[in-house]
Amino acid sequence: MVDTIHIEGLQTPVQIGVPDSERARWQNVEVDITVVPQNGFAGLEDDLEKTIDYERLSLDLRDVASARPRKLIETLAVEMAEHVLQHYPVREVSLTIRKFVLPGTRWVSVSVTRSVA
């Protein structure tokens, strides 16, 4: 079994959407993140420095999301996954982003999984 860290329902403000009018206003998306650390949980010795600080991770992903306007949540998902791989000691990251704008639906979502080569 693989050790994972999971953050579910991270709400983050974004400027996103294909029409200019949608991108012009801030809206919240919801993100689920699962990371597989390079090292498993055995041997952590209750030391935060030996694992992934999930509060820092969530703050970083909010910063990525709010850094600039985008048209597609697909673009945001790829950028967030790449940020995690570049800045955290992980073997794999999976993200799902939910956007709440399509009438008659609860949400639309995209998911990506990226691994260290």
N, C-alpha and C. Protein backbone atom coordinates (compact mmCIF):
# COMPACT_ATOMS: atom_id res chain seq x y z
N MET A 1 0.84 -1.18 0.00
CA MET A 1 0.00 0.00 0.00
C MET A 1 0.89 1.25 0.00
N VAL A 2 0.46 2.26 -0.69
CA VAL A 2 1.20 3.51 -0.84
C VAL A 2 0.67 4.53 0.18
N ASP A 3 1.58 5.23 0.85
CA ASP A 3 1.19 6.29 1.77
C ASP A 3 0.86 7.55 0.97
N THR A 4 -0.25 8.19 1.33
CA THR A 4 -0.68 9.39 0.61
C THR A 4 -1.11 10.47 1.59
N ILE A 5 -1.07 11.69 1.13
CA ILE A 5 -1.65 12.83 1.83
C ILE A 5 -2.74 13.38 0.93
N HIS A 6 -3.90 13.62 1.51
CA HIS A 6 -5.06 14.04 0.71
C HIS A 6 -5.67 15.30 1.33
N ILE A 7 -5.86 16.31 0.49
CA ILE A 7 -6.58 17.52 0.88
C ILE A 7 -7.83 17.56 0.02
N GLU A 8 -8.98 17.63 0.65
CA GLU A 8 -10.23 17.59 -0.10
C GLU A 8 -11.01 18.88 0.08
N GLY A 9 -11.47 19.40 -1.05
CA GLY A 9 -12.35 20.57 -1.03
C GLY A 9 -11.66 21.88 -0.71
N LEU A 10 -10.38 22.01 -1.10
CA LEU A 10 -9.68 23.27 -0.90
C LEU A 10 -10.35 24.35 -1.76
N GLN A 11 -10.90 25.35 -1.12
CA GLN A 11 -11.55 26.43 -1.85
C GLN A 11 -10.53 27.52 -2.11
N THR A 12 -10.49 27.95 -3.36
CA THR A 12 -9.52 28.98 -3.72
C THR A 12 -10.13 29.94 -4.74
N PRO A 13 -9.88 31.23 -4.57
CA PRO A 13 -10.40 32.21 -5.53
C PRO A 13 -9.57 32.22 -6.81
N VAL A 14 -10.27 32.35 -7.93
CA VAL A 14 -9.62 32.38 -9.24
C VAL A 14 -10.35 33.36 -10.15
N GLN A 15 -9.65 33.78 -11.18
CA GLN A 15 -10.26 34.49 -12.30
C GLN A 15 -10.13 33.53 -13.46
N ILE A 16 -11.24 32.87 -13.80
CA ILE A 16 -11.16 31.81 -14.81
C ILE A 16 -12.44 31.77 -15.61
N GLY A 17 -12.32 31.45 -16.87
CA GLY A 17 -13.49 31.31 -17.73
C GLY A 17 -13.16 31.77 -19.14
N VAL A 18 -13.89 31.22 -20.09
CA VAL A 18 -13.64 31.57 -21.49
C VAL A 18 -14.15 32.97 -21.82
N PRO A 19 -15.37 33.33 -21.43
CA PRO A 19 -15.78 34.71 -21.74
C PRO A 19 -15.00 35.71 -20.88
N ASP A 20 -14.65 36.83 -21.48
CA ASP A 20 -13.95 37.89 -20.74
C ASP A 20 -14.74 38.30 -19.50
N SER A 21 -16.06 38.35 -19.62
CA SER A 21 -16.90 38.79 -18.51
C SER A 21 -16.79 37.83 -17.32
N GLU A 22 -16.63 36.55 -17.57
CA GLU A 22 -16.48 35.59 -16.47
C GLU A 22 -15.10 35.73 -15.82
N ARG A 23 -14.08 35.89 -16.63
CA ARG A 23 -12.71 36.06 -16.11
C ARG A 23 -12.54 37.36 -15.35
N ALA A 24 -13.38 38.35 -15.63
CA ALA A 24 -13.26 39.67 -15.00
C ALA A 24 -13.64 39.64 -13.53
N ARG A 25 -14.37 38.62 -13.10
CA ARG A 25 -14.78 38.56 -11.69
C ARG A 25 -14.15 37.34 -11.01
N TRP A 26 -13.93 37.46 -9.73
CA TRP A 26 -13.37 36.36 -8.94
C TRP A 26 -14.47 35.36 -8.63
N GLN A 27 -14.12 34.10 -8.66
CA GLN A 27 -15.04 33.03 -8.25
C GLN A 27 -14.22 31.97 -7.52
N ASN A 28 -14.88 31.15 -6.76
CA ASN A 28 -14.18 30.07 -6.05
C ASN A 28 -14.29 28.78 -6.84
N VAL A 29 -13.18 28.06 -6.89
CA VAL A 29 -13.18 26.68 -7.35
C VAL A 29 -12.80 25.82 -6.15
N GLU A 30 -13.04 24.54 -6.28
CA GLU A 30 -12.72 23.60 -5.22
C GLU A 30 -11.72 22.58 -5.76
N VAL A 31 -10.69 22.31 -4.98
CA VAL A 31 -9.62 21.44 -5.44
C VAL A 31 -9.42 20.29 -4.45
N ASP A 32 -9.32 19.09 -4.99
CA ASP A 32 -8.90 17.92 -4.21
C ASP A 32 -7.50 17.57 -4.66
N ILE A 33 -6.61 17.35 -3.71
CA ILE A 33 -5.21 17.06 -4.02
C ILE A 33 -4.82 15.78 -3.28
N THR A 34 -4.17 14.88 -3.98
CA THR A 34 -3.56 13.71 -3.36
C THR A 34 -2.11 13.67 -3.80
N VAL A 35 -1.21 13.56 -2.82
CA VAL A 35 0.21 13.45 -3.13
C VAL A 35 0.75 12.17 -2.53
N VAL A 36 1.68 11.57 -3.25
CA VAL A 36 2.43 10.40 -2.77
C VAL A 36 3.83 10.91 -2.45
N PRO A 37 4.16 11.01 -1.16
CA PRO A 37 5.49 11.51 -0.79
C PRO A 37 6.59 10.58 -1.28
N GLN A 38 7.79 11.14 -1.49
CA GLN A 38 8.93 10.32 -1.88
C GLN A 38 9.23 9.27 -0.83
N ASN A 39 9.07 9.63 0.43
CA ASN A 39 9.29 8.70 1.52
C ASN A 39 7.96 8.41 2.19
N GLY A 40 7.74 7.16 2.55
CA GLY A 40 6.52 6.79 3.24
C GLY A 40 6.49 7.34 4.65
N PHE A 41 5.43 7.00 5.37
CA PHE A 41 5.23 7.55 6.71
C PHE A 41 6.06 6.85 7.78
N ALA A 42 6.52 5.64 7.52
CA ALA A 42 7.36 4.95 8.49
C ALA A 42 8.66 5.73 8.66
N GLY A 43 9.06 5.94 9.87
CA GLY A 43 10.31 6.62 10.12
C GLY A 43 10.22 8.13 10.19
N LEU A 44 9.02 8.69 10.18
CA LEU A 44 8.88 10.14 10.27
C LEU A 44 9.26 10.67 11.65
N GLU A 45 9.16 9.83 12.63
CA GLU A 45 9.50 10.21 14.01
C GLU A 45 8.74 11.44 14.48
N ASP A 46 7.51 11.58 14.00
CA ASP A 46 6.65 12.69 14.41
C ASP A 46 7.26 14.05 14.09
N ASP A 47 8.05 14.13 13.01
CA ASP A 47 8.79 15.33 12.63
C ASP A 47 8.21 15.91 11.34
N LEU A 48 7.63 17.09 11.43
CA LEU A 48 7.02 17.74 10.27
C LEU A 48 8.02 17.95 9.14
N GLU A 49 9.27 18.19 9.46
CA GLU A 49 10.30 18.42 8.44
C GLU A 49 10.55 17.19 7.57
N LYS A 50 10.10 16.03 8.00
CA LYS A 50 10.32 14.79 7.24
C LYS A 50 9.12 14.41 6.38
N THR A 51 8.13 15.25 6.35
CA THR A 51 6.94 14.96 5.55
C THR A 51 6.53 16.22 4.80
N ILE A 52 5.34 16.20 4.22
CA ILE A 52 4.83 17.34 3.46
C ILE A 52 3.92 18.16 4.39
N ASP A 53 4.23 19.42 4.51
CA ASP A 53 3.42 20.33 5.31
C ASP A 53 2.18 20.67 4.48
N TYR A 54 1.06 20.05 4.79
CA TYR A 54 -0.13 20.22 3.95
C TYR A 54 -0.73 21.61 4.07
N GLU A 55 -0.48 22.34 5.16
CA GLU A 55 -0.93 23.72 5.23
C GLU A 55 -0.15 24.58 4.23
N ARG A 56 1.16 24.41 4.22
CA ARG A 56 2.00 25.14 3.24
C ARG A 56 1.60 24.79 1.81
N LEU A 57 1.37 23.50 1.57
CA LEU A 57 0.95 23.05 0.24
C LEU A 57 -0.36 23.74 -0.17
N SER A 58 -1.33 23.78 0.72
CA SER A 58 -2.61 24.40 0.36
C SER A 58 -2.45 25.90 0.10
N LEU A 59 -1.62 26.58 0.90
CA LEU A 59 -1.38 28.01 0.67
C LEU A 59 -0.67 28.24 -0.66
N ASP A 60 0.31 27.40 -0.96
CA ASP A 60 1.02 27.51 -2.25
C ASP A 60 0.06 27.33 -3.43
N LEU A 61 -0.82 26.35 -3.34
CA LEU A 61 -1.75 26.11 -4.45
C LEU A 61 -2.74 27.24 -4.60
N ARG A 62 -3.14 27.85 -3.50
CA ARG A 62 -3.99 29.04 -3.60
C ARG A 62 -3.25 30.17 -4.31
N ASP A 63 -1.96 30.31 -4.00
CA ASP A 63 -1.15 31.35 -4.67
C ASP A 63 -1.05 31.09 -6.17
N VAL A 64 -0.83 29.83 -6.55
CA VAL A 64 -0.78 29.49 -7.97
C VAL A 64 -2.10 29.83 -8.64
N ALA A 65 -3.20 29.48 -8.00
CA ALA A 65 -4.52 29.70 -8.59
C ALA A 65 -4.84 31.17 -8.78
N SER A 66 -4.43 32.00 -7.83
CA SER A 66 -4.78 33.41 -7.90
C SER A 66 -3.74 34.27 -8.61
N ALA A 67 -2.67 33.65 -9.09
CA ALA A 67 -1.56 34.41 -9.67
C ALA A 67 -1.92 35.16 -10.95
N ARG A 68 -2.83 34.61 -11.74
CA ARG A 68 -3.17 35.26 -13.02
C ARG A 68 -4.49 34.72 -13.54
N PRO A 69 -5.17 35.47 -14.38
CA PRO A 69 -6.39 34.96 -15.00
C PRO A 69 -6.07 33.85 -16.01
N ARG A 70 -6.99 32.91 -16.13
CA ARG A 70 -6.88 31.82 -17.11
C ARG A 70 -8.25 31.57 -17.73
N LYS A 71 -8.24 30.99 -18.91
CA LYS A 71 -9.50 30.62 -19.55
C LYS A 71 -9.97 29.23 -19.10
N LEU A 72 -9.05 28.30 -18.94
CA LEU A 72 -9.43 26.89 -18.74
C LEU A 72 -9.02 26.35 -17.38
N ILE A 73 -9.92 25.58 -16.75
CA ILE A 73 -9.52 24.91 -15.51
C ILE A 73 -8.52 23.80 -15.81
N GLU A 74 -8.50 23.32 -17.04
CA GLU A 74 -7.49 22.33 -17.43
C GLU A 74 -6.08 22.92 -17.29
N THR A 75 -5.92 24.17 -17.73
CA THR A 75 -4.63 24.86 -17.62
C THR A 75 -4.24 25.01 -16.16
N LEU A 76 -5.19 25.42 -15.34
CA LEU A 76 -4.92 25.57 -13.91
C LEU A 76 -4.51 24.25 -13.28
N ALA A 77 -5.18 23.17 -13.62
CA ALA A 77 -4.86 21.86 -13.06
C ALA A 77 -3.43 21.44 -13.39
N VAL A 78 -3.03 21.62 -14.63
CA VAL A 78 -1.67 21.26 -15.03
C VAL A 78 -0.65 22.14 -14.30
N GLU A 79 -0.91 23.44 -14.22
CA GLU A 79 0.03 24.34 -13.53
C GLU A 79 0.16 23.99 -12.06
N MET A 80 -0.94 23.64 -11.41
CA MET A 80 -0.88 23.27 -10.00
C MET A 80 -0.10 21.97 -9.80
N ALA A 81 -0.36 20.99 -10.65
CA ALA A 81 0.35 19.71 -10.53
C ALA A 81 1.84 19.90 -10.75
N GLU A 82 2.21 20.69 -11.75
CA GLU A 82 3.63 20.93 -12.02
C GLU A 82 4.30 21.67 -10.85
N HIS A 83 3.57 22.60 -10.24
CA HIS A 83 4.10 23.31 -9.08
C HIS A 83 4.41 22.34 -7.94
N VAL A 84 3.51 21.43 -7.68
CA VAL A 84 3.73 20.46 -6.61
C VAL A 84 4.96 19.61 -6.91
N LEU A 85 5.07 19.12 -8.14
CA LEU A 85 6.23 18.28 -8.49
C LEU A 85 7.54 19.05 -8.38
N GLN A 86 7.53 20.33 -8.70
CA GLN A 86 8.76 21.13 -8.67
C GLN A 86 9.16 21.57 -7.27
N HIS A 87 8.20 21.69 -6.35
CA HIS A 87 8.49 22.31 -5.06
C HIS A 87 8.32 21.39 -3.84
N TYR A 88 7.88 20.17 -4.05
CA TYR A 88 7.65 19.26 -2.92
C TYR A 88 8.27 17.89 -3.21
N PRO A 89 8.72 17.20 -2.17
CA PRO A 89 9.31 15.87 -2.37
C PRO A 89 8.23 14.80 -2.54
N VAL A 90 7.66 14.76 -3.74
CA VAL A 90 6.58 13.81 -4.03
C VAL A 90 6.95 12.95 -5.24
N ARG A 91 6.38 11.77 -5.27
CA ARG A 91 6.52 10.89 -6.43
C ARG A 91 5.38 11.10 -7.42
N GLU A 92 4.21 11.51 -6.88
CA GLU A 92 3.04 11.65 -7.72
C GLU A 92 2.07 12.64 -7.10
N VAL A 93 1.35 13.35 -7.95
CA VAL A 93 0.29 14.25 -7.50
C VAL A 93 -0.92 14.04 -8.39
N SER A 94 -2.09 14.01 -7.78
CA SER A 94 -3.37 13.96 -8.50
C SER A 94 -4.22 15.12 -8.02
N LEU A 95 -4.86 15.80 -8.96
CA LEU A 95 -5.71 16.95 -8.64
C LEU A 95 -7.04 16.83 -9.36
N THR A 96 -8.08 17.23 -8.69
CA THR A 96 -9.38 17.44 -9.32
C THR A 96 -9.81 18.85 -8.99
N ILE A 97 -10.21 19.60 -10.00
CA ILE A 97 -10.72 20.96 -9.80
C ILE A 97 -12.18 20.98 -10.21
N ARG A 98 -13.02 21.51 -9.31
CA ARG A 98 -14.44 21.66 -9.58
C ARG A 98 -14.78 23.15 -9.72
N LYS A 99 -15.56 23.43 -10.75
CA LYS A 99 -16.00 24.80 -11.03
C LYS A 99 -17.52 24.81 -11.03
N PHE A 100 -18.11 25.85 -10.45
CA PHE A 100 -19.55 25.89 -10.20
C PHE A 100 -20.23 26.95 -11.05
N VAL A 101 -20.23 26.76 -12.36
CA VAL A 101 -20.80 27.79 -13.24
C VAL A 101 -21.79 27.27 -14.28
N LEU A 102 -21.84 25.99 -14.51
CA LEU A 102 -22.70 25.48 -15.58
C LEU A 102 -24.12 25.30 -15.05
N PRO A 103 -25.07 26.06 -15.59
CA PRO A 103 -26.46 25.96 -15.12
C PRO A 103 -26.98 24.52 -15.24
N GLY A 104 -27.73 24.11 -14.24
CA GLY A 104 -28.34 22.79 -14.25
C GLY A 104 -27.42 21.68 -13.79
N THR A 105 -26.22 22.03 -13.31
CA THR A 105 -25.28 21.01 -12.81
C THR A 105 -24.78 21.43 -11.43
N ARG A 106 -24.29 20.46 -10.67
CA ARG A 106 -23.64 20.79 -9.39
C ARG A 106 -22.28 21.41 -9.65
N TRP A 107 -21.55 20.86 -10.63
CA TRP A 107 -20.24 21.39 -11.00
C TRP A 107 -19.76 20.72 -12.27
N VAL A 108 -18.70 21.27 -12.83
CA VAL A 108 -17.90 20.61 -13.86
C VAL A 108 -16.53 20.42 -13.24
N SER A 109 -15.82 19.39 -13.68
CA SER A 109 -14.51 19.16 -13.09
C SER A 109 -13.54 18.59 -14.11
N VAL A 110 -12.26 18.77 -13.79
CA VAL A 110 -11.18 18.13 -14.54
C VAL A 110 -10.24 17.50 -13.52
N SER A 111 -9.58 16.45 -13.94
CA SER A 111 -8.61 15.76 -13.08
C SER A 111 -7.32 15.52 -13.86
N VAL A 112 -6.20 15.66 -13.16
CA VAL A 112 -4.89 15.33 -13.74
C VAL A 112 -4.09 14.55 -12.73
N THR A 113 -3.21 13.71 -13.24
CA THR A 113 -2.24 13.00 -12.42
C THR A 113 -0.88 13.16 -13.10
N ARG A 114 0.10 13.55 -12.32
CA ARG A 114 1.45 13.71 -12.83
C ARG A 114 2.41 13.00 -11.88
N SER A 115 3.46 12.41 -12.45
CA SER A 115 4.46 11.68 -11.66
C SER A 115 5.86 12.17 -11.99
N VAL A 116 6.76 11.96 -11.06
CA VAL A 116 8.15 12.24 -11.31
C VAL A 116 8.65 11.21 -12.32
N ALA A 117 9.36 11.68 -13.32
CA ALA A 117 9.83 10.78 -14.40
C ALA A 117 10.83 9.77 -13.90
